[in-house]
Amino acid sequence: VNQSVWFQYGIDKGIYDEYLSDYNVKI
């Protein structure tokens, strides 16, 4: 509603996968 989609965008672009690839995580 505030046009704040930082997390969704970073995840969909694979950025979090890149930085958290060594960890067994789900966002």
PDB file of all heavy atoms in Angstrom:
ATOM      1  N   VAL A   1       0.830  -1.200   0.000  1.00  0.00           N
ATOM      2  CA  VAL A   1       0.000   0.000   0.000  1.00  0.00           C
ATOM      3  C   VAL A   1       0.868   1.254   0.000  1.00  0.00           C
ATOM      4  O   VAL A   1       0.451   2.320  -0.455  1.00  0.00           O
ATOM      5  CB  VAL A   1      -0.973   0.017   1.208  1.00  0.00           C
ATOM      6  CG1 VAL A   1      -0.220   0.225   2.518  1.00  0.00           C
ATOM      7  CG2 VAL A   1      -2.040   1.093   1.038  1.00  0.00           C
ATOM      8  N   ASN A   2       2.115   1.138   0.491  1.00  0.00           N
ATOM      9  CA  ASN A   2       3.059   2.256   0.489  1.00  0.00           C
ATOM     10  C   ASN A   2       4.124   2.108  -0.591  1.00  0.00           C
ATOM     11  O   ASN A   2       5.180   2.753  -0.521  1.00  0.00           O
ATOM     12  CB  ASN A   2       3.722   2.366   1.868  1.00  0.00           C
ATOM     13  CG  ASN A   2       2.741   2.788   2.944  1.00  0.00           C
ATOM     14  OD1 ASN A   2       2.033   3.766   2.782  1.00  0.00           O
ATOM     15  ND2 ASN A   2       2.684   2.035   4.023  1.00  0.00           N
ATOM     16  N   GLN A   3       3.864   1.247  -1.567  1.00  0.00           N
ATOM     17  CA  GLN A   3       4.794   0.977  -2.669  1.00  0.00           C
ATOM     18  C   GLN A   3       6.168   0.510  -2.158  1.00  0.00           C
ATOM     19  O   GLN A   3       7.197   0.762  -2.785  1.00  0.00           O
ATOM     20  CB  GLN A   3       4.969   2.213  -3.563  1.00  0.00           C
ATOM     21  CG  GLN A   3       3.737   2.608  -4.345  1.00  0.00           C
ATOM     22  CD  GLN A   3       2.783   3.439  -3.519  1.00  0.00           C
ATOM     23  OE1 GLN A   3       3.197   4.274  -2.735  1.00  0.00           O
ATOM     24  NE2 GLN A   3       1.495   3.221  -3.692  1.00  0.00           N
ATOM     25  N   SER A   4       6.172  -0.162  -1.026  1.00  0.00           N
ATOM     26  CA  SER A   4       7.417  -0.673  -0.448  1.00  0.00           C
ATOM     27  C   SER A   4       7.455  -2.186  -0.628  1.00  0.00           C
ATOM     28  O   SER A   4       6.803  -2.932   0.106  1.00  0.00           O
ATOM     29  CB  SER A   4       7.499  -0.316   1.047  1.00  0.00           C
ATOM     30  OG  SER A   4       8.641  -0.901   1.638  1.00  0.00           O
ATOM     31  N   VAL A   5       8.221  -2.627  -1.627  1.00  0.00           N
ATOM     32  CA  VAL A   5       8.296  -4.062  -1.936  1.00  0.00           C
ATOM     33  C   VAL A   5       9.757  -4.503  -2.017  1.00  0.00           C
ATOM     34  O   VAL A   5      10.131  -5.334  -2.840  1.00  0.00           O
ATOM     35  CB  VAL A   5       7.544  -4.392  -3.242  1.00  0.00           C
ATOM     36  CG1 VAL A   5       6.051  -4.179  -3.079  1.00  0.00           C
ATOM     37  CG2 VAL A   5       8.069  -3.553  -4.407  1.00  0.00           C
ATOM     38  N   TRP A   6      10.584  -3.932  -1.163  1.00  0.00           N
ATOM     39  CA  TRP A   6      12.021  -4.198  -1.179  1.00  0.00           C
ATOM     40  C   TRP A   6      12.332  -5.683  -1.047  1.00  0.00           C
ATOM     41  O   TRP A   6      13.179  -6.216  -1.763  1.00  0.00           O
ATOM     42  CB  TRP A   6      12.700  -3.439  -0.036  1.00  0.00           C
ATOM     43  CG  TRP A   6      12.578  -1.960  -0.098  1.00  0.00           C
ATOM     44  CD1 TRP A   6      11.751  -1.173   0.649  1.00  0.00           C
ATOM     45  CD2 TRP A   6      13.298  -1.055  -0.942  1.00  0.00           C
ATOM     46  NE1 TRP A   6      11.920   0.154   0.325  1.00  0.00           N
ATOM     47  CE2 TRP A   6      12.863   0.245  -0.649  1.00  0.00           C
ATOM     48  CE3 TRP A   6      14.281  -1.234  -1.919  1.00  0.00           C
ATOM     49  CZ2 TRP A   6      13.368   1.374  -1.279  1.00  0.00           C
ATOM     50  CZ3 TRP A   6      14.789  -0.115  -2.553  1.00  0.00           C
ATOM     51  CH2 TRP A   6      14.328   1.173  -2.235  1.00  0.00           C
ATOM     52  N   PHE A   7      11.673  -6.349  -0.113  1.00  0.00           N
ATOM     53  CA  PHE A   7      11.987  -7.758   0.129  1.00  0.00           C
ATOM     54  C   PHE A   7      11.524  -8.634  -1.033  1.00  0.00           C
ATOM     55  O   PHE A   7      12.267  -9.492  -1.514  1.00  0.00           O
ATOM     56  CB  PHE A   7      11.350  -8.222   1.439  1.00  0.00           C
ATOM     57  CG  PHE A   7      11.916  -7.533   2.657  1.00  0.00           C
ATOM     58  CD1 PHE A   7      11.100  -6.764   3.478  1.00  0.00           C
ATOM     59  CD2 PHE A   7      13.258  -7.642   2.976  1.00  0.00           C
ATOM     60  CE1 PHE A   7      11.616  -6.124   4.587  1.00  0.00           C
ATOM     61  CE2 PHE A   7      13.788  -7.006   4.086  1.00  0.00           C
ATOM     62  CZ  PHE A   7      12.960  -6.240   4.906  1.00  0.00           C
ATOM     63  N   GLN A   8      10.288  -8.423  -1.481  1.00  0.00           N
ATOM     64  CA  GLN A   8       9.762  -9.234  -2.583  1.00  0.00           C
ATOM     65  C   GLN A   8      10.646  -9.089  -3.822  1.00  0.00           C
ATOM     66  O   GLN A   8      10.955 -10.074  -4.496  1.00  0.00           O
ATOM     67  CB  GLN A   8       8.332  -8.792  -2.923  1.00  0.00           C
ATOM     68  CG  GLN A   8       7.316  -9.073  -1.824  1.00  0.00           C
ATOM     69  CD  GLN A   8       5.932  -8.607  -2.214  1.00  0.00           C
ATOM     70  OE1 GLN A   8       5.403  -9.005  -3.244  1.00  0.00           O
ATOM     71  NE2 GLN A   8       5.324  -7.756  -1.397  1.00  0.00           N
ATOM     72  N   TYR A   9      11.033  -7.852  -4.108  1.00  0.00           N
ATOM     73  CA  TYR A   9      11.833  -7.608  -5.302  1.00  0.00           C
ATOM     74  C   TYR A   9      13.197  -8.296  -5.208  1.00  0.00           C
ATOM     75  O   TYR A   9      13.645  -8.965  -6.148  1.00  0.00           O
ATOM     76  CB  TYR A   9      12.016  -6.100  -5.500  1.00  0.00           C
ATOM     77  CG  TYR A   9      12.705  -5.734  -6.798  1.00  0.00           C
ATOM     78  CD1 TYR A   9      12.043  -5.842  -8.017  1.00  0.00           C
ATOM     79  CD2 TYR A   9      14.018  -5.263  -6.801  1.00  0.00           C
ATOM     80  CE1 TYR A   9      12.666  -5.496  -9.209  1.00  0.00           C
ATOM     81  CE2 TYR A   9      14.653  -4.916  -7.989  1.00  0.00           C
ATOM     82  CZ  TYR A   9      13.972  -5.037  -9.189  1.00  0.00           C
ATOM     83  OH  TYR A   9      14.600  -4.699 -10.362  1.00  0.00           O
ATOM     84  N   GLY A  10      13.874  -8.130  -4.076  1.00  0.00           N
ATOM     85  CA  GLY A  10      15.189  -8.737  -3.899  1.00  0.00           C
ATOM     86  C   GLY A  10      15.156 -10.251  -3.970  1.00  0.00           C
ATOM     87  O   GLY A  10      16.059 -10.883  -4.537  1.00  0.00           O
ATOM     88  N   ILE A  11      14.101 -10.831  -3.421  1.00  0.00           N
ATOM     89  CA  ILE A  11      13.955 -12.286  -3.465  1.00  0.00           C
ATOM     90  C   ILE A  11      13.696 -12.746  -4.892  1.00  0.00           C
ATOM     91  O   ILE A  11      14.326 -13.689  -5.386  1.00  0.00           O
ATOM     92  CB  ILE A  11      12.814 -12.746  -2.535  1.00  0.00           C
ATOM     93  CG1 ILE A  11      13.197 -12.487  -1.070  1.00  0.00           C
ATOM     94  CG2 ILE A  11      12.506 -14.223  -2.745  1.00  0.00           C
ATOM     95  CD1 ILE A  11      12.047 -12.633  -0.104  1.00  0.00           C
ATOM     96  N   ASP A  12      12.783 -12.081  -5.563  1.00  0.00           N
ATOM     97  CA  ASP A  12      12.445 -12.481  -6.930  1.00  0.00           C
ATOM     98  C   ASP A  12      13.608 -12.298  -7.901  1.00  0.00           C
ATOM     99  O   ASP A  12      13.693 -13.008  -8.916  1.00  0.00           O
ATOM    100  CB  ASP A  12      11.223 -11.688  -7.422  1.00  0.00           C
ATOM    101  CG  ASP A  12       9.927 -12.166  -6.789  1.00  0.00           C
ATOM    102  OD1 ASP A  12       9.943 -13.250  -6.158  1.00  0.00           O
ATOM    103  OD2 ASP A  12       8.907 -11.457  -6.894  1.00  0.00           O
ATOM    104  N   LYS A  13      14.510 -11.379  -7.593  1.00  0.00           N
ATOM    105  CA  LYS A  13      15.685 -11.170  -8.446  1.00  0.00           C
ATOM    106  C   LYS A  13      16.847 -12.086  -8.062  1.00  0.00           C
ATOM    107  O   LYS A  13      17.916 -12.029  -8.670  1.00  0.00           O
ATOM    108  CB  LYS A  13      16.137  -9.703  -8.377  1.00  0.00           C
ATOM    109  CG  LYS A  13      15.149  -8.741  -9.025  1.00  0.00           C
ATOM    110  CD  LYS A  13      14.940  -9.079 -10.496  1.00  0.00           C
ATOM    111  CE  LYS A  13      13.877  -8.199 -11.125  1.00  0.00           C
ATOM    112  NZ  LYS A  13      13.639  -8.564 -12.551  1.00  0.00           N
ATOM    113  N   GLY A  14      16.641 -12.913  -7.057  1.00  0.00           N
ATOM    114  CA  GLY A  14      17.659 -13.882  -6.665  1.00  0.00           C
ATOM    115  C   GLY A  14      18.779 -13.313  -5.816  1.00  0.00           C
ATOM    116  O   GLY A  14      19.787 -13.995  -5.577  1.00  0.00           O
ATOM    117  N   ILE A  15      18.617 -12.100  -5.329  1.00  0.00           N
ATOM    118  CA  ILE A  15      19.684 -11.461  -4.559  1.00  0.00           C
ATOM    119  C   ILE A  15      19.849 -12.133  -3.193  1.00  0.00           C
ATOM    120  O   ILE A  15      20.978 -12.372  -2.742  1.00  0.00           O
ATOM    121  CB  ILE A  15      19.413  -9.952  -4.407  1.00  0.00           C
ATOM    122  CG1 ILE A  15      19.431  -9.287  -5.795  1.00  0.00           C
ATOM    123  CG2 ILE A  15      20.449  -9.302  -3.485  1.00  0.00           C
ATOM    124  CD1 ILE A  15      19.003  -7.839  -5.804  1.00  0.00           C
ATOM    125  N   TYR A  16      18.741 -12.448  -2.546  1.00  0.00           N
ATOM    126  CA  TYR A  16      18.834 -13.110  -1.240  1.00  0.00           C
ATOM    127  C   TYR A  16      19.373 -14.527  -1.385  1.00  0.00           C
ATOM    128  O   TYR A  16      20.109 -15.013  -0.513  1.00  0.00           O
ATOM    129  CB  TYR A  16      17.476 -13.098  -0.539  1.00  0.00           C
ATOM    130  CG  TYR A  16      17.138 -11.741   0.023  1.00  0.00           C
ATOM    131  CD1 TYR A  16      16.487 -10.789  -0.762  1.00  0.00           C
ATOM    132  CD2 TYR A  16      17.500 -11.389   1.311  1.00  0.00           C
ATOM    133  CE1 TYR A  16      16.198  -9.531  -0.272  1.00  0.00           C
ATOM    134  CE2 TYR A  16      17.213 -10.135   1.821  1.00  0.00           C
ATOM    135  CZ  TYR A  16      16.565  -9.210   1.030  1.00  0.00           C
ATOM    136  OH  TYR A  16      16.296  -7.950   1.516  1.00  0.00           O
ATOM    137  N   ASP A  17      19.027 -15.193  -2.474  1.00  0.00           N
ATOM    138  CA  ASP A  17      19.600 -16.519  -2.742  1.00  0.00           C
ATOM    139  C   ASP A  17      21.121 -16.438  -2.815  1.00  0.00           C
ATOM    140  O   ASP A  17      21.832 -17.305  -2.307  1.00  0.00           O
ATOM    141  CB  ASP A  17      19.060 -17.078  -4.067  1.00  0.00           C
ATOM    142  CG  ASP A  17      17.701 -17.734  -3.912  1.00  0.00           C
ATOM    143  OD1 ASP A  17      17.429 -18.255  -2.818  1.00  0.00           O
ATOM    144  OD2 ASP A  17      16.927 -17.714  -4.872  1.00  0.00           O
ATOM    145  N   GLU A  18      21.600 -15.394  -3.470  1.00  0.00           N
ATOM    146  CA  GLU A  18      23.042 -15.232  -3.645  1.00  0.00           C
ATOM    147  C   GLU A  18      23.762 -15.048  -2.317  1.00  0.00           C
ATOM    148  O   GLU A  18      24.795 -15.683  -2.055  1.00  0.00           O
ATOM    149  CB  GLU A  18      23.309 -14.027  -4.552  1.00  0.00           C
ATOM    150  CG  GLU A  18      24.779 -13.716  -4.754  1.00  0.00           C
ATOM    151  CD  GLU A  18      24.999 -12.467  -5.589  1.00  0.00           C
ATOM    152  OE1 GLU A  18      24.015 -11.960  -6.182  1.00  0.00           O
ATOM    153  OE2 GLU A  18      26.147 -11.985  -5.632  1.00  0.00           O
ATOM    154  N   TYR A  19      23.207 -14.202  -1.457  1.00  0.00           N
ATOM    155  CA  TYR A  19      23.873 -13.883  -0.199  1.00  0.00           C
ATOM    156  C   TYR A  19      23.626 -14.920   0.900  1.00  0.00           C
ATOM    157  O   TYR A  19      24.441 -15.034   1.833  1.00  0.00           O
ATOM    158  CB  TYR A  19      23.442 -12.498   0.295  1.00  0.00           C
ATOM    159  CG  TYR A  19      24.148 -11.381  -0.421  1.00  0.00           C
ATOM    160  CD1 TYR A  19      23.667 -10.901  -1.640  1.00  0.00           C
ATOM    161  CD2 TYR A  19      25.312 -10.820   0.090  1.00  0.00           C
ATOM    162  CE1 TYR A  19      24.320  -9.881  -2.317  1.00  0.00           C
ATOM    163  CE2 TYR A  19      25.974  -9.802  -0.575  1.00  0.00           C
ATOM    164  CZ  TYR A  19      25.476  -9.334  -1.787  1.00  0.00           C
ATOM    165  OH  TYR A  19      26.138  -8.326  -2.459  1.00  0.00           O
ATOM    166  N   LEU A  20      22.527 -15.646   0.814  1.00  0.00           N
ATOM    167  CA  LEU A  20      22.176 -16.602   1.868  1.00  0.00           C
ATOM    168  C   LEU A  20      22.290 -18.049   1.404  1.00  0.00           C
ATOM    169  O   LEU A  20      21.743 -18.954   2.030  1.00  0.00           O
ATOM    170  CB  LEU A  20      20.755 -16.324   2.360  1.00  0.00           C
ATOM    171  CG  LEU A  20      20.550 -14.966   3.036  1.00  0.00           C
ATOM    172  CD1 LEU A  20      19.064 -14.706   3.279  1.00  0.00           C
ATOM    173  CD2 LEU A  20      21.315 -14.878   4.349  1.00  0.00           C
ATOM    174  N   SER A  21      23.004 -18.287   0.328  1.00  0.00           N
ATOM    175  CA  SER A  21      23.098 -19.627  -0.253  1.00  0.00           C
ATOM    176  C   SER A  21      23.756 -20.641   0.688  1.00  0.00           C
ATOM    177  O   SER A  21      23.524 -21.846   0.567  1.00  0.00           O
ATOM    178  CB  SER A  21      23.874 -19.576  -1.581  1.00  0.00           C
ATOM    179  OG  SER A  21      25.194 -19.070  -1.371  1.00  0.00           O
ATOM    180  N   ASP A  22      24.574 -20.179   1.621  1.00  0.00           N
ATOM    181  CA  ASP A  22      25.257 -21.093   2.545  1.00  0.00           C
ATOM    182  C   ASP A  22      24.389 -21.472   3.741  1.00  0.00           C
ATOM    183  O   ASP A  22      24.808 -22.278   4.582  1.00  0.00           O
ATOM    184  CB  ASP A  22      26.554 -20.456   3.068  1.00  0.00           C
ATOM    185  CG  ASP A  22      27.602 -20.318   1.982  1.00  0.00           C
ATOM    186  OD1 ASP A  22      27.515 -21.059   0.983  1.00  0.00           O
ATOM    187  OD2 ASP A  22      28.506 -19.474   2.139  1.00  0.00           O
ATOM    188  N   TYR A  23      23.182 -20.915   3.802  1.00  0.00           N
ATOM    189  CA  TYR A  23      22.347 -21.109   4.988  1.00  0.00           C
ATOM    190  C   TYR A  23      21.022 -21.769   4.604  1.00  0.00           C
ATOM    191  O   TYR A  23      20.475 -21.513   3.527  1.00  0.00           O
ATOM    192  CB  TYR A  23      22.092 -19.773   5.679  1.00  0.00           C
ATOM    193  CG  TYR A  23      23.370 -19.030   5.967  1.00  0.00           C
ATOM    194  CD1 TYR A  23      23.835 -18.062   5.070  1.00  0.00           C
ATOM    195  CD2 TYR A  23      24.139 -19.319   7.091  1.00  0.00           C
ATOM    196  CE1 TYR A  23      25.034 -17.390   5.303  1.00  0.00           C
ATOM    197  CE2 TYR A  23      25.330 -18.657   7.328  1.00  0.00           C
ATOM    198  CZ  TYR A  23      25.775 -17.693   6.434  1.00  0.00           C
ATOM    199  OH  TYR A  23      26.964 -17.043   6.658  1.00  0.00           O
ATOM    200  N   ASN A  24      20.516 -22.564   5.488  1.00  0.00           N
ATOM    201  CA  ASN A  24      19.274 -23.291   5.241  1.00  0.00           C
ATOM    202  C   ASN A  24      18.092 -22.442   5.708  1.00  0.00           C
ATOM    203  O   ASN A  24      17.575 -22.618   6.818  1.00  0.00           O
ATOM    204  CB  ASN A  24      19.310 -24.626   5.988  1.00  0.00           C
ATOM    205  CG  ASN A  24      18.172 -25.550   5.578  1.00  0.00           C
ATOM    206  OD1 ASN A  24      17.497 -25.307   4.579  1.00  0.00           O
ATOM    207  ND2 ASN A  24      17.956 -26.596   6.354  1.00  0.00           N
ATOM    208  N   VAL A  25      17.690 -21.483   4.861  1.00  0.00           N
ATOM    209  CA  VAL A  25      16.664 -20.533   5.261  1.00  0.00           C
ATOM    210  C   VAL A  25      15.508 -20.479   4.261  1.00  0.00           C
ATOM    211  O   VAL A  25      15.654 -20.828   3.092  1.00  0.00           O
ATOM    212  CB  VAL A  25      17.246 -19.111   5.418  1.00  0.00           C
ATOM    213  CG1 VAL A  25      18.344 -19.093   6.473  1.00  0.00           C
ATOM    214  CG2 VAL A  25      17.766 -18.572   4.097  1.00  0.00           C
ATOM    215  N   LYS A  26      14.382 -20.032   4.769  1.00  0.00           N
ATOM    216  CA  LYS A  26      13.194 -19.750   3.953  1.00  0.00           C
ATOM    217  C   LYS A  26      12.688 -18.387   4.392  1.00  0.00           C
ATOM    218  O   LYS A  26      12.593 -18.113   5.595  1.00  0.00           O
ATOM    219  CB  LYS A  26      12.120 -20.805   4.187  1.00  0.00           C
ATOM    220  CG  LYS A  26      10.800 -20.510   3.478  1.00  0.00           C
ATOM    221  CD  LYS A  26       9.746 -21.586   3.784  1.00  0.00           C
ATOM    222  CE  LYS A  26       9.284 -21.536   5.207  1.00  0.00           C
ATOM    223  NZ  LYS A  26       8.181 -22.498   5.481  1.00  0.00           N
ATOM    224  N   ILE A  27      12.342 -17.529   3.433  1.00  0.00           N
ATOM    225  CA  ILE A  27      11.859 -16.186   3.766  1.00  0.00           C
ATOM    226  C   ILE A  27      10.363 -16.089   3.515  1.00  0.00           C
ATOM    227  O   ILE A  27       9.886 -16.355   2.407  1.00  0.00           O
ATOM    228  CB  ILE A  27      12.598 -15.106   2.949  1.00  0.00           C
ATOM    229  CG1 ILE A  27      14.103 -15.148   3.249  1.00  0.00           C
ATOM    230  CG2 ILE A  27      12.042 -13.721   3.283  1.00  0.00           C
ATOM    231  CD1 ILE A  27      14.906 -14.121   2.480  1.00  0.00           C
TER     232      ILE A  27
END
